[in-house]
N, C-alpha and C. Protein backbone atom coordinates (compact mmCIF):
# COMPACT_ATOMS: atom_id res chain seq x y z
N UNK A 1 58.29 243.33 41.51
CA UNK A 1 57.58 242.98 40.31
C UNK A 1 56.63 244.13 39.94
N UNK A 2 56.55 244.44 38.70
CA UNK A 2 55.76 245.57 38.22
C UNK A 2 54.27 245.23 38.22
N UNK A 3 53.46 246.24 38.42
CA UNK A 3 52.02 246.05 38.39
C UNK A 3 51.52 245.86 36.97
N UNK A 4 52.29 246.28 36.01
CA UNK A 4 51.87 246.23 34.63
C UNK A 4 52.84 245.41 33.81
N UNK A 5 52.29 244.67 32.91
CA UNK A 5 53.10 243.92 31.96
C UNK A 5 52.82 244.53 30.60
N UNK A 6 53.77 245.24 30.02
CA UNK A 6 53.56 245.94 28.76
C UNK A 6 54.18 245.14 27.62
N UNK A 7 53.38 244.94 26.57
CA UNK A 7 53.88 244.25 25.39
C UNK A 7 53.60 245.10 24.17
N UNK A 8 54.32 244.86 23.12
CA UNK A 8 54.17 245.64 21.90
C UNK A 8 54.11 244.69 20.71
N UNK A 9 53.18 244.94 19.82
CA UNK A 9 53.05 244.15 18.60
C UNK A 9 52.97 245.11 17.43
N UNK A 10 53.77 244.92 16.41
CA UNK A 10 53.67 245.72 15.20
C UNK A 10 53.17 244.82 14.08
N UNK A 11 52.06 245.22 13.48
CA UNK A 11 51.48 244.46 12.40
C UNK A 11 51.91 245.14 11.11
N UNK A 12 52.66 244.44 10.26
CA UNK A 12 53.22 245.12 9.10
C UNK A 12 52.66 244.67 7.77
N UNK A 13 51.96 243.55 7.72
CA UNK A 13 51.53 243.06 6.42
C UNK A 13 50.02 242.98 6.28
N UNK A 14 49.25 243.58 7.19
CA UNK A 14 47.81 243.44 7.12
C UNK A 14 47.11 244.63 6.47
N UNK A 15 47.77 245.77 6.34
CA UNK A 15 47.13 246.94 5.77
C UNK A 15 47.94 247.44 4.58
N UNK A 16 47.34 247.41 3.43
CA UNK A 16 48.02 247.81 2.20
C UNK A 16 48.15 249.32 2.06
N UNK A 17 47.29 250.08 2.73
CA UNK A 17 47.22 251.53 2.55
C UNK A 17 48.47 252.24 3.04
N UNK A 18 49.08 251.76 4.09
CA UNK A 18 50.19 252.44 4.72
C UNK A 18 51.52 251.82 4.30
N UNK A 19 52.58 252.59 4.28
CA UNK A 19 53.89 252.04 3.92
C UNK A 19 54.29 250.92 4.87
N UNK A 20 55.05 249.97 4.36
CA UNK A 20 55.43 248.80 5.15
C UNK A 20 56.20 249.18 6.41
N UNK A 21 56.97 250.29 6.40
CA UNK A 21 57.77 250.61 7.57
C UNK A 21 56.91 250.98 8.78
N UNK A 22 55.65 251.39 8.56
CA UNK A 22 54.76 251.67 9.68
C UNK A 22 53.33 251.53 9.23
N UNK A 23 52.68 250.48 9.67
CA UNK A 23 51.26 250.34 9.35
C UNK A 23 50.44 250.58 10.59
N UNK A 24 50.54 249.70 11.54
CA UNK A 24 49.76 249.85 12.76
C UNK A 24 50.56 249.30 13.92
N UNK A 25 50.45 249.93 15.04
CA UNK A 25 51.08 249.43 16.25
C UNK A 25 50.01 249.14 17.29
N UNK A 26 50.24 248.13 18.07
CA UNK A 26 49.31 247.80 19.15
C UNK A 26 50.12 247.62 20.42
N UNK A 27 49.79 248.39 21.43
CA UNK A 27 50.46 248.32 22.71
C UNK A 27 49.46 247.81 23.75
N UNK A 28 49.87 246.90 24.59
CA UNK A 28 48.99 246.28 25.57
C UNK A 28 49.55 246.43 26.97
N UNK A 29 48.67 246.79 27.91
CA UNK A 29 49.02 246.83 29.33
C UNK A 29 48.07 245.87 30.04
N UNK A 30 48.64 244.95 30.80
CA UNK A 30 47.83 243.99 31.54
C UNK A 30 47.73 244.43 33.00
N UNK A 31 46.60 244.18 33.58
CA UNK A 31 46.34 244.51 34.98
C UNK A 31 46.78 243.33 35.84
N UNK A 32 48.10 243.13 35.95
CA UNK A 32 48.64 241.98 36.67
C UNK A 32 48.33 242.00 38.16
N UNK A 33 48.21 243.18 38.74
CA UNK A 33 47.91 243.27 40.17
C UNK A 33 46.42 243.21 40.46
N UNK A 34 45.62 243.06 39.40
CA UNK A 34 44.16 242.91 39.53
C UNK A 34 43.54 244.09 40.29
N UNK A 35 43.92 245.28 39.88
CA UNK A 35 43.38 246.51 40.46
C UNK A 35 41.88 246.54 40.16
N UNK A 36 41.07 246.70 41.17
CA UNK A 36 39.61 246.62 41.05
C UNK A 36 39.01 247.92 40.51
N UNK A 37 37.86 247.77 39.87
CA UNK A 37 37.02 248.88 39.45
C UNK A 37 37.69 249.86 38.50
N UNK A 38 37.23 251.10 38.59
CA UNK A 38 37.71 252.15 37.69
C UNK A 38 39.15 252.54 37.95
N UNK A 39 39.72 252.18 39.08
CA UNK A 39 41.13 252.48 39.35
C UNK A 39 42.04 251.82 38.31
N UNK A 40 41.60 250.71 37.73
CA UNK A 40 42.38 250.03 36.70
C UNK A 40 42.55 250.86 35.44
N UNK A 41 41.66 251.83 35.23
CA UNK A 41 41.77 252.69 34.04
C UNK A 41 43.00 253.58 34.10
N UNK A 42 43.55 253.80 35.29
CA UNK A 42 44.75 254.63 35.42
C UNK A 42 45.94 253.98 34.70
N UNK A 43 45.82 252.69 34.40
CA UNK A 43 46.88 252.01 33.66
C UNK A 43 47.05 252.59 32.25
N UNK A 44 46.04 253.33 31.76
CA UNK A 44 46.16 253.98 30.45
C UNK A 44 47.36 254.92 30.41
N UNK A 45 47.75 255.45 31.54
CA UNK A 45 48.88 256.37 31.61
C UNK A 45 50.19 255.70 31.20
N UNK A 46 50.20 254.36 31.23
CA UNK A 46 51.38 253.61 30.79
C UNK A 46 51.66 253.81 29.30
N UNK A 47 50.66 254.24 28.56
CA UNK A 47 50.81 254.42 27.11
C UNK A 47 51.52 255.72 26.74
N UNK A 48 51.67 256.64 27.67
CA UNK A 48 52.29 257.94 27.35
C UNK A 48 53.65 257.76 26.68
N UNK A 49 54.50 256.95 27.29
CA UNK A 49 55.85 256.77 26.76
C UNK A 49 55.81 256.15 25.35
N UNK A 50 54.97 255.15 25.15
CA UNK A 50 54.87 254.50 23.84
C UNK A 50 54.31 255.45 22.78
N UNK A 51 53.31 256.23 23.14
CA UNK A 51 52.75 257.18 22.18
C UNK A 51 53.78 258.26 21.82
N UNK A 52 54.54 258.74 22.81
CA UNK A 52 55.57 259.74 22.53
C UNK A 52 56.64 259.17 21.60
N UNK A 53 57.10 257.96 21.86
CA UNK A 53 58.14 257.39 20.99
C UNK A 53 57.60 257.11 19.59
N UNK A 54 56.34 256.73 19.49
CA UNK A 54 55.74 256.51 18.17
C UNK A 54 55.64 257.82 17.41
N UNK A 55 55.28 258.89 18.11
CA UNK A 55 55.19 260.20 17.45
C UNK A 55 56.56 260.70 17.03
N UNK A 56 57.57 260.48 17.86
CA UNK A 56 58.92 260.92 17.49
C UNK A 56 59.42 260.18 16.25
N UNK A 57 59.04 258.93 16.14
CA UNK A 57 59.49 258.12 15.01
C UNK A 57 58.69 258.38 13.73
N UNK A 58 57.38 258.62 13.87
CA UNK A 58 56.53 258.68 12.68
C UNK A 58 55.78 260.00 12.50
N UNK A 59 55.95 260.94 13.40
CA UNK A 59 55.24 262.21 13.27
C UNK A 59 53.84 262.11 13.84
N UNK A 60 52.89 262.68 13.14
CA UNK A 60 51.51 262.69 13.61
C UNK A 60 50.94 261.27 13.58
N UNK A 61 50.11 260.96 14.60
CA UNK A 61 49.49 259.64 14.64
C UNK A 61 48.03 259.76 15.04
N UNK A 62 47.29 258.69 14.76
CA UNK A 62 45.95 258.51 15.29
C UNK A 62 46.03 257.32 16.23
N UNK A 63 45.25 257.37 17.29
CA UNK A 63 45.21 256.22 18.19
C UNK A 63 43.84 256.12 18.82
N UNK A 64 43.52 254.92 19.26
CA UNK A 64 42.34 254.71 20.09
C UNK A 64 42.64 253.63 21.10
N UNK A 65 41.94 253.68 22.23
CA UNK A 65 42.17 252.73 23.32
C UNK A 65 40.99 251.76 23.40
N UNK A 66 41.30 250.53 23.81
CA UNK A 66 40.29 249.50 24.01
C UNK A 66 40.50 248.90 25.40
N UNK A 67 39.42 248.78 26.15
CA UNK A 67 39.47 248.16 27.48
C UNK A 67 38.79 246.80 27.43
N UNK A 68 39.50 245.79 27.91
CA UNK A 68 38.92 244.45 28.07
C UNK A 68 38.60 244.29 29.55
N UNK A 69 37.35 243.97 29.85
CA UNK A 69 36.87 244.02 31.22
C UNK A 69 36.44 242.65 31.74
N UNK A 70 36.57 242.47 33.03
CA UNK A 70 36.04 241.30 33.72
C UNK A 70 34.69 241.71 34.31
N UNK A 71 33.67 240.97 33.94
CA UNK A 71 32.31 241.25 34.40
C UNK A 71 31.75 239.99 35.03
N UNK A 72 30.84 240.18 35.97
CA UNK A 72 30.14 239.01 36.51
C UNK A 72 28.65 239.34 36.60
N UNK A 73 27.86 238.28 36.46
CA UNK A 73 26.41 238.43 36.53
C UNK A 73 25.97 237.76 37.83
N UNK A 74 25.23 238.50 38.62
CA UNK A 74 24.77 237.97 39.90
C UNK A 74 23.26 237.88 39.93
N UNK A 75 22.80 236.87 40.62
CA UNK A 75 21.38 236.69 40.84
C UNK A 75 21.21 236.25 42.29
N UNK A 76 20.46 237.01 43.03
CA UNK A 76 20.22 236.74 44.46
C UNK A 76 21.53 236.58 45.23
N UNK A 77 22.51 237.44 44.92
CA UNK A 77 23.77 237.45 45.65
C UNK A 77 24.77 236.39 45.23
N UNK A 78 24.43 235.54 44.28
CA UNK A 78 25.34 234.49 43.81
C UNK A 78 25.78 234.80 42.39
N UNK A 79 27.07 234.56 42.14
CA UNK A 79 27.60 234.75 40.79
C UNK A 79 27.16 233.58 39.92
N UNK A 80 26.42 233.90 38.84
CA UNK A 80 25.95 232.84 37.94
C UNK A 80 26.74 232.79 36.63
N UNK A 81 27.46 233.86 36.34
CA UNK A 81 28.24 233.90 35.11
C UNK A 81 29.35 234.93 35.25
N UNK A 82 30.53 234.62 34.68
CA UNK A 82 31.67 235.54 34.64
C UNK A 82 32.21 235.57 33.23
N UNK A 83 32.65 236.73 32.79
CA UNK A 83 33.28 236.83 31.47
C UNK A 83 34.38 237.88 31.51
N UNK A 84 35.48 237.57 30.84
CA UNK A 84 36.53 238.57 30.65
C UNK A 84 36.62 238.92 29.17
N UNK A 85 35.53 238.69 28.47
CA UNK A 85 35.45 238.94 27.04
C UNK A 85 34.48 240.09 26.77
N UNK A 86 34.64 241.17 27.50
CA UNK A 86 33.75 242.32 27.45
C UNK A 86 34.60 243.52 27.07
N UNK A 87 34.38 244.08 25.88
CA UNK A 87 35.25 245.13 25.34
C UNK A 87 34.50 246.45 25.22
N UNK A 88 35.22 247.53 25.49
CA UNK A 88 34.71 248.89 25.28
C UNK A 88 35.84 249.68 24.60
N UNK A 89 35.50 250.36 23.51
CA UNK A 89 36.48 251.16 22.76
C UNK A 89 36.23 252.65 22.96
N UNK A 90 37.30 253.38 23.09
CA UNK A 90 37.22 254.84 23.21
C UNK A 90 37.27 255.45 21.80
N UNK A 91 36.87 256.70 21.66
CA UNK A 91 36.96 257.36 20.35
C UNK A 91 38.41 257.53 19.89
N UNK A 92 38.58 257.71 18.60
CA UNK A 92 39.91 257.92 18.02
C UNK A 92 40.39 259.34 18.32
N UNK A 93 41.71 259.45 18.46
CA UNK A 93 42.34 260.76 18.67
C UNK A 93 43.38 260.98 17.58
N UNK A 94 43.46 262.21 17.09
CA UNK A 94 44.52 262.61 16.17
C UNK A 94 45.54 263.39 17.00
N UNK A 95 46.74 262.87 17.08
CA UNK A 95 47.79 263.53 17.86
C UNK A 95 48.77 264.20 16.91
N UNK A 96 48.81 265.51 16.96
CA UNK A 96 49.68 266.31 16.11
C UNK A 96 50.93 266.73 16.87
N UNK A 97 50.75 266.98 18.18
CA UNK A 97 51.85 267.39 19.06
C UNK A 97 51.90 266.48 20.28
N UNK A 98 53.07 266.30 20.82
CA UNK A 98 53.24 265.44 21.99
C UNK A 98 52.48 265.94 23.21
N UNK A 99 52.29 267.27 23.31
CA UNK A 99 51.58 267.79 24.48
C UNK A 99 50.09 267.43 24.48
N UNK A 100 49.58 266.83 23.41
CA UNK A 100 48.18 266.39 23.36
C UNK A 100 47.98 265.02 23.99
N UNK A 101 49.05 264.29 24.23
CA UNK A 101 48.95 262.91 24.71
C UNK A 101 48.29 262.85 26.08
N UNK A 102 48.74 263.65 27.01
CA UNK A 102 48.21 263.62 28.38
C UNK A 102 46.71 263.91 28.39
N UNK A 103 46.30 264.92 27.64
CA UNK A 103 44.89 265.30 27.58
C UNK A 103 44.06 264.18 26.94
N UNK A 104 44.57 263.55 25.89
CA UNK A 104 43.85 262.47 25.22
C UNK A 104 43.65 261.27 26.14
N UNK A 105 44.68 260.92 26.87
CA UNK A 105 44.57 259.79 27.80
C UNK A 105 43.58 260.14 28.92
N UNK A 106 43.63 261.36 29.40
CA UNK A 106 42.66 261.80 30.41
C UNK A 106 41.23 261.73 29.90
N UNK A 107 41.02 262.13 28.66
CA UNK A 107 39.66 262.07 28.09
C UNK A 107 39.23 260.62 27.87
N UNK A 108 40.18 259.72 27.58
CA UNK A 108 39.85 258.30 27.46
C UNK A 108 39.39 257.73 28.80
N UNK A 109 40.08 258.09 29.88
CA UNK A 109 39.69 257.62 31.21
C UNK A 109 38.27 258.09 31.53
N UNK A 110 37.99 259.37 31.28
CA UNK A 110 36.65 259.90 31.52
C UNK A 110 35.61 259.20 30.65
N UNK A 111 35.98 258.96 29.38
CA UNK A 111 35.06 258.29 28.47
C UNK A 111 34.71 256.89 28.98
N UNK A 112 35.72 256.13 29.38
CA UNK A 112 35.48 254.77 29.87
C UNK A 112 34.61 254.77 31.13
N UNK A 113 34.80 255.75 31.99
CA UNK A 113 34.00 255.82 33.21
C UNK A 113 32.51 256.00 32.91
N UNK A 114 32.20 256.65 31.80
CA UNK A 114 30.80 256.80 31.37
C UNK A 114 30.34 255.62 30.51
N UNK A 115 31.22 255.14 29.64
CA UNK A 115 30.83 254.11 28.66
C UNK A 115 30.65 252.72 29.28
N UNK A 116 31.44 252.41 30.29
CA UNK A 116 31.34 251.07 30.89
C UNK A 116 29.94 250.85 31.50
N UNK A 117 29.44 251.75 32.34
CA UNK A 117 28.07 251.53 32.87
C UNK A 117 27.00 251.51 31.77
N UNK A 118 27.16 252.35 30.74
CA UNK A 118 26.19 252.36 29.64
C UNK A 118 26.18 251.02 28.91
N UNK A 119 27.36 250.52 28.61
CA UNK A 119 27.48 249.22 27.92
C UNK A 119 26.97 248.09 28.80
N UNK A 120 27.25 248.18 30.08
CA UNK A 120 26.79 247.21 31.07
C UNK A 120 25.26 247.13 31.05
N UNK A 121 24.60 248.28 30.99
CA UNK A 121 23.14 248.33 30.99
C UNK A 121 22.56 247.75 29.70
N UNK A 122 23.29 247.92 28.59
CA UNK A 122 22.79 247.43 27.30
C UNK A 122 22.79 245.91 27.19
N UNK A 123 23.73 245.24 27.87
CA UNK A 123 23.82 243.78 27.73
C UNK A 123 22.89 243.05 28.68
N UNK A 124 22.21 243.75 29.54
CA UNK A 124 21.25 243.11 30.42
C UNK A 124 21.50 243.45 31.87
N UNK A 125 20.52 243.11 32.68
CA UNK A 125 20.62 243.47 34.09
C UNK A 125 21.49 242.49 34.86
N UNK A 126 21.87 242.91 36.03
CA UNK A 126 22.65 242.11 36.97
C UNK A 126 24.11 241.92 36.59
N UNK A 127 24.60 242.58 35.55
CA UNK A 127 26.03 242.51 35.22
C UNK A 127 26.76 243.55 36.05
N UNK A 128 27.88 243.15 36.63
CA UNK A 128 28.66 244.04 37.49
C UNK A 128 30.09 244.10 36.96
N UNK A 129 30.60 245.31 36.81
CA UNK A 129 31.98 245.53 36.38
C UNK A 129 32.90 245.24 37.56
N UNK A 130 33.86 244.32 37.37
CA UNK A 130 34.79 243.94 38.44
C UNK A 130 36.11 244.70 38.29
N UNK A 131 36.76 244.55 37.12
CA UNK A 131 38.05 245.20 36.92
C UNK A 131 38.41 245.20 35.44
N UNK A 132 39.40 246.01 35.13
CA UNK A 132 40.01 246.02 33.81
C UNK A 132 40.97 244.83 33.74
N UNK A 133 40.90 244.06 32.66
CA UNK A 133 41.82 242.93 32.46
C UNK A 133 43.04 243.42 31.69
N UNK A 134 42.79 244.04 30.52
CA UNK A 134 43.87 244.62 29.71
C UNK A 134 43.38 245.92 29.09
N UNK A 135 44.34 246.74 28.75
CA UNK A 135 44.08 247.95 27.97
C UNK A 135 44.98 247.89 26.75
N UNK A 136 44.45 248.31 25.61
CA UNK A 136 45.24 248.34 24.38
C UNK A 136 45.17 249.73 23.79
N UNK A 137 46.27 250.14 23.17
CA UNK A 137 46.30 251.37 22.39
C UNK A 137 46.69 250.97 20.97
N UNK A 138 45.85 251.29 20.02
CA UNK A 138 46.12 251.00 18.61
C UNK A 138 46.52 252.31 17.93
N UNK A 139 47.66 252.29 17.24
CA UNK A 139 48.16 253.51 16.60
C UNK A 139 48.35 253.29 15.11
N UNK A 140 48.26 254.38 14.38
CA UNK A 140 48.53 254.38 12.96
C UNK A 140 49.03 255.78 12.59
N UNK A 141 49.89 255.85 11.59
CA UNK A 141 50.42 257.14 11.14
C UNK A 141 49.28 257.99 10.61
N UNK A 142 49.35 259.28 10.89
CA UNK A 142 48.33 260.22 10.44
C UNK A 142 48.97 261.19 9.46
N UNK A 143 48.49 261.17 8.24
CA UNK A 143 48.99 262.09 7.22
C UNK A 143 47.79 262.86 6.67
N UNK A 144 47.43 263.98 7.31
CA UNK A 144 46.27 264.74 6.85
C UNK A 144 46.51 265.35 5.48
N UNK A 145 45.43 265.52 4.76
CA UNK A 145 45.52 266.16 3.46
C UNK A 145 45.92 267.62 3.65
N UNK A 146 46.76 268.09 2.79
CA UNK A 146 47.20 269.48 2.87
C UNK A 146 46.45 270.31 1.83
N UNK A 147 46.35 271.59 2.11
CA UNK A 147 45.73 272.49 1.15
C UNK A 147 46.61 272.61 -0.09
N UNK A 148 46.01 273.09 -1.15
CA UNK A 148 46.76 273.21 -2.39
C UNK A 148 46.40 274.51 -3.08
N UNK A 149 46.95 274.70 -4.24
CA UNK A 149 46.70 275.90 -5.00
C UNK A 149 45.90 275.53 -6.23
N UNK A 150 45.84 276.44 -7.17
CA UNK A 150 45.05 276.27 -8.38
C UNK A 150 45.54 275.09 -9.23
N UNK A 151 44.59 274.30 -9.70
CA UNK A 151 44.88 273.19 -10.61
C UNK A 151 43.98 273.36 -11.83
N UNK A 152 44.58 273.31 -12.98
CA UNK A 152 43.84 273.44 -14.25
C UNK A 152 42.88 272.27 -14.41
N UNK A 153 41.65 272.59 -14.88
CA UNK A 153 40.66 271.53 -15.12
C UNK A 153 41.00 270.76 -16.39
N UNK A 154 40.69 269.48 -16.44
CA UNK A 154 40.84 268.73 -17.69
C UNK A 154 39.88 269.29 -18.75
N UNK A 155 40.26 269.21 -20.02
CA UNK A 155 39.46 269.79 -21.11
C UNK A 155 38.00 269.35 -21.12
N UNK A 156 37.68 268.07 -20.94
CA UNK A 156 36.25 267.69 -20.98
C UNK A 156 35.42 268.43 -19.92
N UNK A 157 35.98 268.66 -18.75
CA UNK A 157 35.25 269.39 -17.72
C UNK A 157 35.21 270.89 -18.01
N UNK A 158 36.30 271.42 -18.55
CA UNK A 158 36.38 272.84 -18.86
C UNK A 158 35.36 273.19 -19.95
N UNK A 159 35.18 272.32 -20.93
CA UNK A 159 34.26 272.58 -22.04
C UNK A 159 32.80 272.56 -21.61
N UNK A 160 32.47 271.90 -20.54
CA UNK A 160 31.09 271.87 -20.06
C UNK A 160 30.64 273.22 -19.50
N UNK A 161 31.59 274.03 -19.08
CA UNK A 161 31.31 275.34 -18.50
C UNK A 161 30.31 275.26 -17.34
N UNK A 162 30.43 274.19 -16.55
CA UNK A 162 29.54 273.98 -15.41
C UNK A 162 30.28 274.06 -14.07
N UNK A 163 31.59 274.21 -14.13
CA UNK A 163 32.40 274.23 -12.93
C UNK A 163 33.13 275.56 -12.83
N UNK A 164 33.04 276.18 -11.65
CA UNK A 164 33.81 277.40 -11.40
C UNK A 164 35.14 276.96 -10.81
N UNK A 165 36.22 277.26 -11.48
CA UNK A 165 37.55 276.89 -11.02
C UNK A 165 38.32 278.17 -10.71
N UNK A 166 38.27 278.58 -9.46
CA UNK A 166 38.86 279.85 -9.04
C UNK A 166 40.38 279.76 -9.08
N UNK A 167 41.01 280.74 -9.74
CA UNK A 167 42.47 280.76 -9.79
C UNK A 167 42.99 281.52 -8.58
N UNK A 168 43.92 280.89 -7.89
CA UNK A 168 44.54 281.52 -6.73
C UNK A 168 46.01 281.15 -6.69
N UNK A 169 46.79 281.96 -5.96
CA UNK A 169 48.22 281.72 -5.87
C UNK A 169 48.64 281.33 -4.45
N UNK A 170 47.69 281.27 -3.52
CA UNK A 170 48.01 280.87 -2.15
C UNK A 170 47.57 279.42 -1.91
N UNK A 171 47.60 278.99 -0.67
CA UNK A 171 47.23 277.62 -0.32
C UNK A 171 45.82 277.56 0.27
N UNK A 172 44.95 278.46 -0.15
CA UNK A 172 43.61 278.56 0.43
C UNK A 172 42.53 278.36 -0.63
N UNK A 173 42.71 277.34 -1.45
CA UNK A 173 41.77 277.12 -2.55
C UNK A 173 40.35 276.82 -2.06
N UNK A 174 40.22 276.09 -0.96
CA UNK A 174 38.90 275.77 -0.45
C UNK A 174 38.15 277.04 -0.06
N UNK A 175 38.83 277.94 0.64
CA UNK A 175 38.21 279.20 1.04
C UNK A 175 37.71 279.97 -0.20
N UNK A 176 38.54 280.05 -1.24
CA UNK A 176 38.15 280.79 -2.46
C UNK A 176 37.00 280.09 -3.18
N UNK A 177 36.98 278.77 -3.16
CA UNK A 177 35.87 278.04 -3.80
C UNK A 177 34.56 278.31 -3.08
N UNK A 178 34.58 278.32 -1.75
CA UNK A 178 33.36 278.60 -0.99
C UNK A 178 32.92 280.04 -1.21
N UNK A 179 33.87 280.98 -1.17
CA UNK A 179 33.51 282.39 -1.40
C UNK A 179 32.94 282.61 -2.80
N UNK A 180 33.49 281.91 -3.80
CA UNK A 180 32.96 282.07 -5.17
C UNK A 180 31.55 281.53 -5.27
N UNK A 181 31.22 280.50 -4.51
CA UNK A 181 29.86 279.95 -4.53
C UNK A 181 28.88 280.90 -3.82
N UNK A 182 29.36 281.57 -2.77
CA UNK A 182 28.49 282.47 -2.01
C UNK A 182 28.27 283.81 -2.72
N UNK A 183 29.32 284.30 -3.42
CA UNK A 183 29.24 285.64 -4.02
C UNK A 183 29.37 285.59 -5.50
């Protein structure tokens, strides 16, 4: 029996901004073997295959990881409260190439190792991190804006003579706009 139970959910009708064929994907890994402490964060490595297949299918993607944790509160050596409803989210990553996946997952593991104790301290004293319950990776297609060339101003703006519209023939309009403002 596997230590991880991996499930996949594709949400297709909740976000209008993205095309219906790919809006958002959510991949979940459960800590079925109840691996204790920070060792449970190694389960993030299970997402490598899913992230690679998502990138092959959709190109560039953004993703972020969420850890659901089991915590207990102790007072004088006795457990007075337990919760598995304790979440910590890692920063978003923009993945342009597949070789970035390993590094991003590694940085998520490092981030969680710092963020869990910080979050633990914020919710009050005597809370102890027991283990990771589940890890989720949320993905969405990434379509960065591309540079462009010269675009003619509309007549009302052109007549104001308040905008410098640098004419260029390459794809570096932003660079020319900044240089025109400086010089």
